């Protein structure tokens, strides 16, 4: 994963958007979808959050390849929802938010259903 994604080089300089910013946008966008309980982190991301100065976003990984974003999202959905429909809504919402806010094109969003929330 690259530390920064370079964007918008012009006569005044360049604008750099870190991968962490893209992770935060994805995190917020995922949680806007009704039927999604949240993101699922694993023990590695929990430990990284404890020892890292950066606030690592659990359940989201971002990789910039040829100025296009590839995201992997691990989400927890509520019991009883139509999983394919929720996954599609997550992909659409995350893609539109990232592209609108950063001008970085989103190539792929892989949604992994990591768990189901049974508590109402």
N, C-alpha and C. Protein backbone atom coordinates (compact mmCIF):
# COMPACT_ATOMS: atom_id res chain seq x y z
N UNK A 1 0.85 -1.17 0.00
CA UNK A 1 0.00 0.00 0.00
C UNK A 1 0.89 1.23 0.00
N UNK A 2 0.61 2.17 -0.85
CA UNK A 2 1.39 3.40 -0.90
C UNK A 2 0.99 4.32 0.23
N UNK A 3 1.92 5.14 0.66
CA UNK A 3 1.64 6.08 1.74
C UNK A 3 0.78 7.25 1.28
N UNK A 4 1.02 7.72 0.07
CA UNK A 4 0.26 8.85 -0.43
C UNK A 4 -0.10 8.63 -1.89
N UNK A 5 -1.24 9.12 -2.25
CA UNK A 5 -1.68 9.09 -3.64
C UNK A 5 -1.54 10.49 -4.19
N UNK A 6 -0.70 10.67 -5.20
CA UNK A 6 -0.49 11.99 -5.76
C UNK A 6 -1.60 12.33 -6.72
N UNK A 7 -2.09 13.55 -6.66
CA UNK A 7 -3.21 13.97 -7.51
C UNK A 7 -3.10 15.45 -7.78
N UNK A 8 -3.57 15.86 -8.93
CA UNK A 8 -3.71 17.27 -9.29
C UNK A 8 -2.40 18.06 -9.25
N UNK A 9 -1.47 17.70 -10.09
CA UNK A 9 -0.23 18.46 -10.22
C UNK A 9 -0.53 19.63 -11.15
N UNK A 10 -0.23 20.85 -10.69
CA UNK A 10 -0.43 22.04 -11.53
C UNK A 10 0.70 23.03 -11.26
N UNK A 11 0.58 24.24 -11.77
CA UNK A 11 1.65 25.23 -11.64
C UNK A 11 1.90 25.65 -10.18
N UNK A 12 0.94 25.44 -9.31
CA UNK A 12 1.11 25.80 -7.90
C UNK A 12 1.72 24.68 -7.07
N UNK A 13 1.71 23.47 -7.59
CA UNK A 13 2.24 22.32 -6.85
C UNK A 13 1.35 21.12 -7.03
N UNK A 14 1.39 20.24 -6.08
CA UNK A 14 0.58 19.03 -6.17
C UNK A 14 -0.20 18.81 -4.89
N UNK A 15 -1.28 18.10 -5.02
CA UNK A 15 -2.12 17.75 -3.87
C UNK A 15 -1.92 16.26 -3.61
N UNK A 16 -1.57 15.90 -2.39
CA UNK A 16 -1.38 14.51 -2.01
C UNK A 16 -2.51 14.10 -1.07
N UNK A 17 -3.14 12.99 -1.38
CA UNK A 17 -4.20 12.45 -0.54
C UNK A 17 -3.71 11.11 -0.02
N UNK A 18 -3.61 10.97 1.29
CA UNK A 18 -3.09 9.73 1.85
C UNK A 18 -4.13 8.62 1.75
N UNK A 19 -3.64 7.40 1.77
CA UNK A 19 -4.52 6.23 1.74
C UNK A 19 -5.45 6.23 2.95
N UNK A 20 -4.97 6.75 4.07
CA UNK A 20 -5.78 6.79 5.28
C UNK A 20 -7.03 7.65 5.09
N UNK A 21 -6.92 8.72 4.33
CA UNK A 21 -8.08 9.57 4.05
C UNK A 21 -9.12 8.79 3.26
N UNK A 22 -8.66 8.02 2.28
CA UNK A 22 -9.57 7.21 1.49
C UNK A 22 -10.23 6.15 2.37
N UNK A 23 -9.47 5.57 3.30
CA UNK A 23 -10.02 4.59 4.24
C UNK A 23 -11.12 5.21 5.09
N UNK A 24 -10.91 6.42 5.56
CA UNK A 24 -11.90 7.09 6.40
C UNK A 24 -13.17 7.39 5.61
N UNK A 25 -13.02 7.85 4.37
CA UNK A 25 -14.19 8.11 3.52
C UNK A 25 -14.96 6.82 3.31
N UNK A 26 -14.26 5.73 3.04
CA UNK A 26 -14.92 4.43 2.85
C UNK A 26 -15.63 3.99 4.12
N UNK A 27 -14.99 4.15 5.26
CA UNK A 27 -15.57 3.77 6.54
C UNK A 27 -16.90 4.49 6.78
N UNK A 28 -16.91 5.77 6.58
CA UNK A 28 -18.13 6.56 6.79
C UNK A 28 -19.20 6.17 5.78
N UNK A 29 -18.80 5.98 4.53
CA UNK A 29 -19.76 5.63 3.47
C UNK A 29 -20.40 4.27 3.70
N UNK A 30 -19.64 3.32 4.20
CA UNK A 30 -20.18 1.98 4.49
C UNK A 30 -21.25 2.08 5.56
N UNK A 31 -20.98 2.84 6.60
CA UNK A 31 -21.90 2.93 7.74
C UNK A 31 -23.18 3.69 7.42
N UNK A 32 -23.23 4.38 6.29
CA UNK A 32 -24.45 5.08 5.87
C UNK A 32 -25.51 4.14 5.32
N UNK A 33 -25.13 2.92 4.98
CA UNK A 33 -26.05 1.97 4.35
C UNK A 33 -26.85 1.24 5.41
N UNK A 34 -28.17 1.32 5.28
CA UNK A 34 -29.07 0.63 6.21
C UNK A 34 -28.91 -0.88 6.01
N UNK A 35 -28.72 -1.60 7.08
CA UNK A 35 -28.51 -3.04 7.02
C UNK A 35 -27.07 -3.43 7.25
N UNK A 36 -26.18 -2.44 7.30
CA UNK A 36 -24.77 -2.70 7.60
C UNK A 36 -24.53 -2.32 9.05
N UNK A 37 -24.05 -3.27 9.84
CA UNK A 37 -23.75 -3.01 11.24
C UNK A 37 -22.45 -2.22 11.38
N UNK A 38 -21.48 -2.55 10.54
CA UNK A 38 -20.20 -1.84 10.59
C UNK A 38 -19.13 -2.62 9.87
N UNK A 39 -17.91 -2.20 10.08
CA UNK A 39 -16.76 -2.86 9.49
C UNK A 39 -16.18 -3.86 10.48
N UNK A 40 -15.54 -4.87 9.94
CA UNK A 40 -14.97 -5.93 10.77
C UNK A 40 -13.46 -5.90 10.64
N UNK A 41 -12.80 -5.68 11.76
CA UNK A 41 -11.35 -5.73 11.78
C UNK A 41 -10.90 -7.06 12.35
N UNK A 42 -9.66 -7.41 12.08
CA UNK A 42 -9.12 -8.65 12.62
C UNK A 42 -8.09 -8.32 13.69
N UNK A 43 -7.48 -9.32 14.26
CA UNK A 43 -6.52 -9.10 15.34
C UNK A 43 -5.33 -8.27 14.87
N UNK A 44 -4.94 -8.43 13.62
CA UNK A 44 -3.81 -7.64 13.08
C UNK A 44 -4.14 -6.16 13.07
N UNK A 45 -5.35 -5.80 12.62
CA UNK A 45 -5.70 -4.38 12.59
C UNK A 45 -5.90 -3.83 14.00
N UNK A 46 -6.36 -4.67 14.94
CA UNK A 46 -6.49 -4.24 16.33
C UNK A 46 -5.12 -3.90 16.92
N UNK A 47 -4.14 -4.77 16.70
CA UNK A 47 -2.79 -4.53 17.21
C UNK A 47 -2.16 -3.33 16.51
N UNK A 48 -2.36 -3.21 15.21
CA UNK A 48 -1.82 -2.06 14.46
C UNK A 48 -2.40 -0.76 15.02
N UNK A 49 -3.66 -0.74 15.39
CA UNK A 49 -4.28 0.46 15.95
C UNK A 49 -3.72 0.84 17.30
N UNK A 50 -3.33 -0.16 18.08
CA UNK A 50 -2.76 0.10 19.41
C UNK A 50 -1.36 0.70 19.30
N UNK A 51 -0.52 0.12 18.43
CA UNK A 51 0.88 0.51 18.37
C UNK A 51 1.20 1.58 17.34
N UNK A 52 0.24 1.92 16.51
CA UNK A 52 0.48 2.90 15.46
C UNK A 52 0.03 4.28 15.89
N UNK A 53 0.73 5.29 15.41
CA UNK A 53 0.31 6.66 15.67
C UNK A 53 -0.88 7.03 14.80
N UNK A 54 -0.97 6.38 13.64
CA UNK A 54 -2.10 6.62 12.75
C UNK A 54 -3.31 5.86 13.27
N UNK A 55 -4.49 6.42 13.07
CA UNK A 55 -5.72 5.73 13.43
C UNK A 55 -6.10 4.77 12.31
N UNK A 56 -5.62 3.55 12.38
CA UNK A 56 -5.89 2.57 11.31
C UNK A 56 -7.37 2.23 11.30
N UNK A 57 -7.97 2.31 10.14
CA UNK A 57 -9.39 2.00 10.00
C UNK A 57 -9.55 0.50 9.84
N UNK A 58 -10.25 -0.10 10.78
CA UNK A 58 -10.48 -1.54 10.74
C UNK A 58 -11.39 -1.91 9.59
N UNK A 59 -11.07 -3.00 8.93
CA UNK A 59 -11.96 -3.53 7.91
C UNK A 59 -11.85 -2.89 6.54
N UNK A 60 -10.93 -1.95 6.36
CA UNK A 60 -10.76 -1.29 5.06
C UNK A 60 -9.28 -1.32 4.69
N UNK A 61 -9.00 -1.80 3.48
CA UNK A 61 -7.65 -1.67 2.95
C UNK A 61 -7.74 -0.98 1.59
N UNK A 62 -6.77 -0.13 1.33
CA UNK A 62 -6.73 0.65 0.10
C UNK A 62 -5.38 0.44 -0.57
N UNK A 63 -5.43 0.26 -1.87
CA UNK A 63 -4.21 0.18 -2.65
C UNK A 63 -4.43 1.03 -3.90
N UNK A 64 -3.46 1.88 -4.20
CA UNK A 64 -3.54 2.71 -5.40
C UNK A 64 -2.64 2.09 -6.46
N UNK A 65 -3.26 1.70 -7.58
CA UNK A 65 -2.54 1.09 -8.69
C UNK A 65 -2.82 1.93 -9.93
N UNK A 66 -1.77 2.50 -10.52
CA UNK A 66 -1.90 3.33 -11.72
C UNK A 66 -2.95 4.43 -11.53
N UNK A 67 -2.88 5.12 -10.40
CA UNK A 67 -3.77 6.24 -10.06
C UNK A 67 -5.24 5.82 -9.96
N UNK A 68 -5.50 4.55 -9.69
CA UNK A 68 -6.86 4.05 -9.47
C UNK A 68 -6.87 3.30 -8.16
N UNK A 69 -7.96 3.47 -7.41
CA UNK A 69 -8.07 2.86 -6.10
C UNK A 69 -8.68 1.46 -6.17
N UNK A 70 -8.10 0.56 -5.40
CA UNK A 70 -8.64 -0.78 -5.21
C UNK A 70 -8.88 -0.92 -3.71
N UNK A 71 -10.13 -1.20 -3.34
CA UNK A 71 -10.48 -1.29 -1.93
C UNK A 71 -10.98 -2.69 -1.58
N UNK A 72 -10.67 -3.12 -0.37
CA UNK A 72 -11.22 -4.34 0.20
C UNK A 72 -11.93 -3.95 1.48
N UNK A 73 -13.20 -4.29 1.56
CA UNK A 73 -14.02 -3.96 2.72
C UNK A 73 -14.52 -5.23 3.38
N UNK A 74 -14.34 -5.34 4.68
CA UNK A 74 -14.88 -6.45 5.46
C UNK A 74 -16.00 -5.89 6.31
N UNK A 75 -17.24 -6.31 6.01
CA UNK A 75 -18.38 -5.71 6.69
C UNK A 75 -19.18 -6.75 7.45
N UNK A 76 -19.93 -6.24 8.42
CA UNK A 76 -20.89 -7.04 9.18
C UNK A 76 -22.27 -6.51 8.81
N UNK A 77 -23.15 -7.43 8.40
CA UNK A 77 -24.51 -7.04 8.01
C UNK A 77 -25.50 -7.54 9.05
N UNK A 78 -26.66 -6.89 9.08
CA UNK A 78 -27.73 -7.31 9.98
C UNK A 78 -28.40 -8.57 9.45
N UNK A 79 -28.85 -9.41 10.37
CA UNK A 79 -29.55 -10.64 9.99
C UNK A 79 -30.84 -10.29 9.24
N UNK A 80 -31.11 -11.02 8.16
CA UNK A 80 -32.35 -10.85 7.42
C UNK A 80 -32.26 -9.96 6.20
N UNK A 81 -31.13 -9.29 6.00
CA UNK A 81 -31.00 -8.41 4.82
C UNK A 81 -30.62 -9.25 3.61
N UNK A 82 -30.87 -8.70 2.43
CA UNK A 82 -30.44 -9.35 1.19
C UNK A 82 -28.98 -8.96 0.95
N UNK A 83 -28.10 -9.90 1.20
CA UNK A 83 -26.66 -9.61 1.18
C UNK A 83 -26.18 -9.06 -0.16
N UNK A 84 -26.55 -9.65 -1.30
CA UNK A 84 -26.07 -9.07 -2.56
C UNK A 84 -26.52 -7.63 -2.76
N UNK A 85 -27.75 -7.31 -2.37
CA UNK A 85 -28.26 -5.95 -2.50
C UNK A 85 -27.49 -4.98 -1.61
N UNK A 86 -27.22 -5.38 -0.38
CA UNK A 86 -26.45 -4.54 0.56
C UNK A 86 -25.04 -4.33 0.02
N UNK A 87 -24.41 -5.39 -0.48
CA UNK A 87 -23.04 -5.28 -1.00
C UNK A 87 -23.00 -4.32 -2.18
N UNK A 88 -23.98 -4.38 -3.06
CA UNK A 88 -24.03 -3.48 -4.21
C UNK A 88 -24.20 -2.02 -3.74
N UNK A 89 -25.07 -1.80 -2.76
CA UNK A 89 -25.27 -0.44 -2.23
C UNK A 89 -23.98 0.09 -1.60
N UNK A 90 -23.27 -0.78 -0.89
CA UNK A 90 -22.00 -0.39 -0.28
C UNK A 90 -21.01 0.02 -1.38
N UNK A 91 -20.89 -0.80 -2.42
CA UNK A 91 -19.97 -0.48 -3.50
C UNK A 91 -20.31 0.86 -4.15
N UNK A 92 -21.57 1.08 -4.45
CA UNK A 92 -21.99 2.32 -5.10
C UNK A 92 -21.74 3.54 -4.21
N UNK A 93 -22.09 3.43 -2.93
CA UNK A 93 -21.95 4.56 -2.01
C UNK A 93 -20.47 4.91 -1.78
N UNK A 94 -19.64 3.90 -1.58
CA UNK A 94 -18.22 4.13 -1.35
C UNK A 94 -17.57 4.72 -2.60
N UNK A 95 -17.87 4.16 -3.77
CA UNK A 95 -17.30 4.65 -5.03
C UNK A 95 -17.66 6.11 -5.27
N UNK A 96 -18.93 6.44 -5.13
CA UNK A 96 -19.34 7.82 -5.41
C UNK A 96 -18.74 8.80 -4.40
N UNK A 97 -18.63 8.41 -3.14
CA UNK A 97 -18.06 9.31 -2.13
C UNK A 97 -16.58 9.56 -2.38
N UNK A 98 -15.83 8.50 -2.66
CA UNK A 98 -14.38 8.66 -2.88
C UNK A 98 -14.12 9.48 -4.14
N UNK A 99 -14.82 9.17 -5.22
CA UNK A 99 -14.59 9.91 -6.46
C UNK A 99 -15.02 11.37 -6.35
N UNK A 100 -16.10 11.63 -5.63
CA UNK A 100 -16.56 13.02 -5.47
C UNK A 100 -15.62 13.84 -4.60
N UNK A 101 -15.10 13.23 -3.55
CA UNK A 101 -14.28 13.98 -2.60
C UNK A 101 -12.81 14.08 -2.99
N UNK A 102 -12.30 13.09 -3.74
CA UNK A 102 -10.86 13.07 -4.00
C UNK A 102 -10.48 13.16 -5.47
N UNK A 103 -11.40 12.94 -6.38
CA UNK A 103 -11.12 12.87 -7.81
C UNK A 103 -10.25 11.67 -8.18
N UNK A 104 -10.08 10.72 -7.27
CA UNK A 104 -9.37 9.48 -7.55
C UNK A 104 -10.40 8.48 -8.07
N UNK A 105 -10.12 7.88 -9.21
CA UNK A 105 -11.02 6.89 -9.78
C UNK A 105 -10.94 5.60 -8.99
N UNK A 106 -12.10 5.01 -8.72
CA UNK A 106 -12.17 3.74 -8.01
C UNK A 106 -12.32 2.64 -9.05
N UNK A 107 -11.35 1.74 -9.09
CA UNK A 107 -11.39 0.66 -10.06
C UNK A 107 -12.16 -0.55 -9.52
N UNK A 108 -11.89 -0.93 -8.27
CA UNK A 108 -12.49 -2.14 -7.71
C UNK A 108 -12.82 -1.92 -6.24
N UNK A 109 -14.00 -2.42 -5.85
CA UNK A 109 -14.35 -2.47 -4.43
C UNK A 109 -14.80 -3.90 -4.14
N UNK A 110 -13.98 -4.62 -3.42
CA UNK A 110 -14.31 -5.99 -3.03
C UNK A 110 -14.98 -5.94 -1.66
N UNK A 111 -16.21 -6.45 -1.60
CA UNK A 111 -16.95 -6.47 -0.34
C UNK A 111 -16.96 -7.89 0.17
N UNK A 112 -16.39 -8.08 1.35
CA UNK A 112 -16.37 -9.38 2.01
C UNK A 112 -17.31 -9.34 3.20
N UNK A 113 -18.28 -10.23 3.22
CA UNK A 113 -19.20 -10.30 4.36
C UNK A 113 -18.48 -11.11 5.44
N UNK A 114 -18.05 -10.42 6.49
CA UNK A 114 -17.24 -11.05 7.52
C UNK A 114 -18.06 -11.51 8.71
N UNK A 115 -19.32 -11.09 8.79
CA UNK A 115 -20.15 -11.51 9.90
C UNK A 115 -21.58 -11.04 9.77
N UNK A 116 -22.43 -11.61 10.62
CA UNK A 116 -23.84 -11.24 10.65
C UNK A 116 -24.20 -10.84 12.06
N UNK A 117 -24.86 -9.70 12.20
CA UNK A 117 -25.33 -9.20 13.48
C UNK A 117 -26.73 -9.75 13.74
N UNK A 118 -26.89 -10.50 14.83
CA UNK A 118 -28.19 -11.09 15.18
C UNK A 118 -28.96 -10.24 16.18
N UNK A 119 -28.30 -9.26 16.79
CA UNK A 119 -28.94 -8.43 17.82
C UNK A 119 -29.68 -7.30 17.16
N UNK A 120 -30.95 -7.13 17.50
CA UNK A 120 -31.76 -6.06 16.91
C UNK A 120 -31.58 -4.77 17.67
